[in-house]
Protein backbone atom coordinates (compact mmCIF):
# COMPACT_ATOMS: atom_id res chain seq x y z
CA MET A 1 140.95 46.17 75.72
CA VAL A 2 144.30 47.25 77.02
CA SER A 3 145.10 48.97 73.70
CA VAL A 4 141.98 50.80 73.80
CA LEU A 5 142.53 52.17 77.35
CA ALA A 6 146.10 53.37 76.36
CA LEU A 7 144.54 55.24 73.56
CA LEU A 8 141.83 56.88 76.02
CA LEU A 9 144.08 57.78 78.85
CA PRO A 10 146.35 60.45 77.22
CA ALA A 11 143.11 62.31 76.11
CA GLN A 12 141.81 62.01 79.70
CA ALA A 13 145.14 63.15 81.15
CA ARG A 14 144.90 66.42 78.98
CA ALA A 15 141.77 67.59 80.87
CA VAL A 16 143.03 70.58 83.03
CA GLU A 17 141.70 73.36 85.15
CA VAL A 18 142.01 76.54 83.24
CA LEU A 19 142.65 79.71 85.62
CA MET A 20 141.29 82.52 83.61
CA ALA A 21 141.16 86.26 84.21
CA PHE A 22 137.88 88.11 83.77
CA GLY A 23 136.84 91.68 84.43
CA GLU A 24 135.32 92.28 87.82
CA LYS A 25 131.75 93.12 86.83
CA ILE A 26 130.35 93.22 83.34
CA PRO A 27 126.79 91.88 83.50
CA PRO A 28 125.39 90.03 81.50
CA PHE A 29 128.63 88.96 80.21
CA CYS A 30 130.43 88.33 83.66
CA ILE A 31 128.56 88.27 86.90
CA PRO A 32 131.12 87.29 89.71
CA GLU A 33 128.52 87.03 92.54
CA SER A 34 127.29 83.81 90.84
CA ASN A 35 130.06 82.84 88.72
CA SER A 36 127.86 83.05 85.75
CA GLY A 37 127.17 85.39 82.73
CA ILE A 38 127.12 84.90 78.86
CA GLU A 39 130.86 85.02 78.51
CA LEU A 40 131.74 82.72 81.46
CA ASP A 41 128.98 80.11 80.48
CA VAL A 42 130.15 80.11 76.88
CA ILE A 43 133.64 79.73 77.63
CA GLY A 44 133.08 77.36 80.43
CA GLU A 45 130.92 74.94 78.23
CA ALA A 46 133.28 75.26 75.35
CA LEU A 47 136.15 74.12 77.47
CA ALA A 48 134.15 71.45 79.09
CA PHE A 49 133.54 69.90 75.67
CA LYS A 50 137.11 68.30 75.82
CA GLY A 51 136.85 67.82 79.69
CA HIS A 52 138.49 71.13 80.89
CA THR A 53 137.14 72.94 83.81
CA LEU A 54 137.09 76.83 83.94
CA LYS A 55 138.14 78.59 87.13
CA PRO A 56 137.45 82.27 86.77
CA VAL A 57 139.69 84.87 88.62
CA TYR A 58 138.04 88.32 88.68
CA LEU A 59 140.39 91.38 88.36
CA PRO A 60 140.12 95.01 87.35
CA PHE A 61 140.44 95.33 83.67
CA ALA A 62 143.76 97.02 83.60
CA ARG A 63 145.15 93.90 85.54
CA ILE A 64 143.90 91.27 83.09
CA PRO A 65 146.78 91.37 80.67
CA LEU A 66 149.19 91.95 83.33
CA ALA A 67 148.10 88.84 85.07
CA PHE A 68 148.59 86.86 81.79
CA LYS A 69 152.12 88.14 81.31
CA ASP A 70 153.36 87.50 84.95
CA LYS A 71 151.91 84.18 84.58
CA SER A 72 149.35 84.50 87.45
CA VAL A 73 146.61 82.93 85.07
CA ASP A 74 146.48 80.37 82.47
CA ALA A 75 144.01 82.27 80.20
CA ALA A 76 142.49 85.80 79.91
CA MET A 77 139.10 86.90 78.46
CA THR A 78 140.81 90.10 76.80
CA ASP A 79 144.22 91.49 75.92
CA LEU A 80 142.81 95.14 76.15
CA GLY A 81 144.43 96.09 72.81
CA GLU A 82 147.86 94.52 73.65
CA ASP A 83 149.22 91.63 71.65
CA LEU A 84 149.95 88.91 74.13
CA ARG A 85 151.52 86.61 71.67
CA PRO A 86 155.10 87.77 72.64
CA SER A 87 154.11 86.75 76.36
CA GLY A 88 153.25 83.35 75.27
CA GLY A 89 149.42 83.93 74.35
CA HIS A 90 147.45 81.76 71.86
CA TYR A 91 144.29 83.37 70.64
CA GLY A 92 141.24 81.64 70.61
CA ASP A 93 138.06 82.24 68.40
CA PRO A 94 135.81 85.02 69.76
CA ALA A 95 133.42 83.73 72.62
CA VAL A 96 131.26 86.84 72.57
CA PHE A 97 130.93 90.06 70.83
CA TYR A 98 130.80 93.47 72.40
CA ASP A 99 128.67 95.70 70.00
CA ASN A 100 129.19 99.27 71.12
CA VAL A 101 126.84 101.95 70.10
CA PHE A 102 125.69 105.43 71.05
CA ILE A 103 122.36 105.44 72.80
CA THR A 104 119.96 108.37 73.11
CA LEU A 105 116.24 108.97 74.08
CA ARG A 106 114.06 108.70 71.05
CA SER A 107 112.15 111.79 72.23
CA ARG A 108 115.37 113.77 71.79
CA LYS A 109 115.42 113.20 68.09
CA LEU A 110 119.21 113.34 67.99
CA ARG A 111 121.37 112.33 65.06
CA ILE A 112 124.89 111.03 65.64
CA GLU A 113 126.63 110.20 62.46
CA LYS A 114 130.08 111.97 62.89
CA PRO A 115 132.37 113.17 65.90
CA ALA A 116 131.18 116.70 65.44
CA ASP A 117 127.62 115.58 66.15
CA LEU A 118 128.68 115.07 69.83
CA GLN A 119 129.79 118.66 70.29
CA GLY A 120 127.53 120.24 72.79
CA LEU A 121 126.20 116.99 74.18
CA THR A 122 127.25 115.16 77.41
CA VAL A 123 128.38 111.67 76.93
CA VAL A 124 128.72 108.94 79.66
CA SER A 125 130.49 105.71 78.93
CA PHE A 126 132.45 102.63 80.11
CA ARG A 127 135.93 102.83 81.55
CA GLY A 128 138.67 103.07 78.76
CA ALA A 129 136.22 104.15 75.97
CA ALA A 130 137.93 107.42 75.37
CA ASN A 131 141.26 105.47 74.65
CA ARG A 132 139.43 102.92 72.29
CA TYR A 133 137.59 105.55 70.26
CA PRO A 134 139.80 108.80 70.68
CA GLU A 135 138.47 110.28 67.42
CA TRP A 136 134.93 110.50 68.90
CA LEU A 137 135.64 111.14 72.63
CA GLN A 138 138.90 112.87 73.14
CA ALA A 139 137.58 116.40 72.26
CA LEU A 140 134.53 115.90 74.60
CA LYS A 141 137.05 114.68 77.50
CA LYS A 142 138.94 117.96 77.22
CA THR A 143 135.98 120.16 77.28
CA GLY A 144 134.48 118.27 80.28
CA GLY A 145 131.46 116.88 78.47
CA TYR A 146 132.44 113.34 79.06
CA ALA A 147 132.45 110.76 81.77
CA GLU A 148 133.19 107.06 82.46
CA LEU A 149 131.51 104.89 85.06
CA ASN A 150 132.31 101.54 86.28
CA ASP A 151 128.76 100.74 87.05
CA GLN A 152 127.02 100.49 83.74
CA SER A 153 123.53 100.11 85.20
CA ALA A 154 124.02 103.85 86.35
CA GLN A 155 124.40 104.74 82.67
CA VAL A 156 120.60 103.54 82.00
CA LYS A 157 119.45 105.64 85.03
CA THR A 158 121.37 108.73 84.07
CA LEU A 159 120.18 108.63 80.64
CA MET A 160 116.55 108.09 81.56
CA ARG A 161 116.84 110.90 84.16
CA LYS A 162 118.32 113.16 81.30
CA ARG A 163 121.43 113.82 83.25
CA TYR A 164 123.49 112.89 80.14
CA ASP A 165 122.51 113.18 76.47
CA VAL A 166 124.26 110.07 75.30
CA VAL A 167 125.30 106.80 76.53
CA LEU A 168 128.12 104.76 75.04
CA SER A 169 127.65 101.12 75.67
CA ASP A 170 127.51 97.64 74.41
CA ARG A 171 123.89 97.01 73.24
CA ASN A 172 123.44 93.81 75.14
CA ILE A 173 124.86 95.22 78.58
CA PHE A 174 122.49 98.23 78.24
CA LYS A 175 119.52 96.00 77.38
CA TYR A 176 120.37 93.67 80.34
CA PHE A 177 120.39 96.55 82.79
CA SER A 178 117.30 98.12 81.23
CA LEU A 179 115.51 94.81 81.74
CA GLN A 180 116.53 94.65 85.44
CA LEU A 181 115.41 98.24 85.88
CA LYS A 182 111.97 97.58 84.26
CA ARG A 183 111.40 94.58 86.39
CA SER A 184 112.08 96.71 89.46
CA GLY A 185 109.43 99.31 88.22
CA PHE A 186 111.88 101.98 87.21
CA PRO A 187 110.23 104.08 84.33
CA LEU A 188 112.01 103.65 81.10
CA GLU A 189 111.65 105.70 77.83
CA SER A 190 112.15 104.43 74.35
CA ILE A 191 115.81 104.61 72.98
CA GLU A 192 117.55 104.97 69.67
CA GLU A 193 120.81 103.34 68.76
CA HIS A 194 123.42 105.08 66.71
CA ARG A 195 126.10 102.83 65.23
CA PHE A 196 129.50 104.44 64.70
CA ALA A 197 131.92 101.74 64.41
CA GLU A 198 132.07 98.30 62.97
CA VAL A 199 132.32 95.29 65.29
CA ASN A 200 135.71 93.72 65.00
CA PRO A 201 135.65 90.05 66.37
CA GLN A 202 139.30 89.98 66.60
CA ASP A 203 139.16 92.65 69.38
CA TYR A 204 137.37 90.36 71.83
CA ARG A 205 139.27 86.98 71.51
CA PRO A 206 140.21 84.84 74.65
CA ILE A 207 143.88 84.05 75.16
CA PHE A 208 145.31 80.88 76.28
CA ARG A 209 148.89 79.91 77.37
CA ASP A 210 148.47 76.25 76.24
CA PRO A 211 147.76 75.94 72.47
CA GLN A 212 146.18 72.50 73.04
CA VAL A 213 143.56 74.01 75.33
CA ARG A 214 143.07 76.84 72.90
CA ASP A 215 142.43 74.33 70.30
CA ASP A 216 139.94 72.25 72.47
CA PHE A 217 138.21 75.60 73.39
CA ASN A 218 137.71 76.38 69.56
CA LEU A 219 136.19 72.90 69.16
CA GLY A 220 133.96 73.29 71.97
CA LEU A 221 132.70 76.66 70.83
CA LYS A 222 132.10 75.36 67.38
CA HIS A 223 129.83 72.51 69.00
CA LEU A 224 127.90 75.09 71.15
CA LYS A 225 127.08 77.09 68.00
CA ALA A 226 126.13 74.14 65.91
CA ASN A 227 123.69 72.54 68.45
CA GLY A 228 122.11 75.84 69.43
CA ARG A 229 123.50 76.14 72.84
CA PHE A 230 125.47 79.32 72.18
CA GLN A 231 122.14 81.10 71.39
CA ALA A 232 120.40 79.64 74.19
CA ILE A 233 122.87 81.10 76.69
CA TYR A 234 122.42 84.65 75.22
CA ASP A 235 118.68 84.15 75.51
CA LYS A 236 118.90 83.08 79.20
CA TYR A 237 120.27 86.48 80.09
CA LEU A 238 118.48 88.77 77.58
CA ARG A 239 115.07 87.39 76.96
CA GLU A 240 112.27 89.58 78.08
């Protein structure tokens, strides 16, 4: 019995609280008011598989990699395109995917297949999109046909009210806010999605300071996907 306990104790002692930086407000992926959202639920349950506890810290997006580098947090949901390995980062497997598309009203019958197709149109997007997709958006930014909003629910409203011609958004974020508005009685029109970039899972990997915690997270994530819990979390926030 003693030998068995001796074997178990080291594993139990490794269970830690993981202080992790998340964006301030990215429903349905991150909802600070309730400490919930797709990304928080997935990461929290994946860490719990090996006994770890997630403690989220909500920061402006630009602060997330800085907080990791100055060791204010143990982990970060994103690196914002900056390699954090030189700062002691160990990358985990992608917990979620952000699938960015151009969205227009179907009634407009617009075709967006190349950057030139955006000329003469107005585009509203999330913060930092012009830096991520310069070949598509920098020209519009210079001519004043482009805006970025922190509140992504406003993107749906402005498109429906025809204040902008095009929204650049993650498909699931746009769907989430559309569902919220629909339930409130806000009138919605049919939309059309225009894919312009391939989803790169490597763009959205969480970063951990402790390689063992990273490995434990990866195991937990595989478990969630294998038992159907991963999809159930998505469905919880996006099912009509």
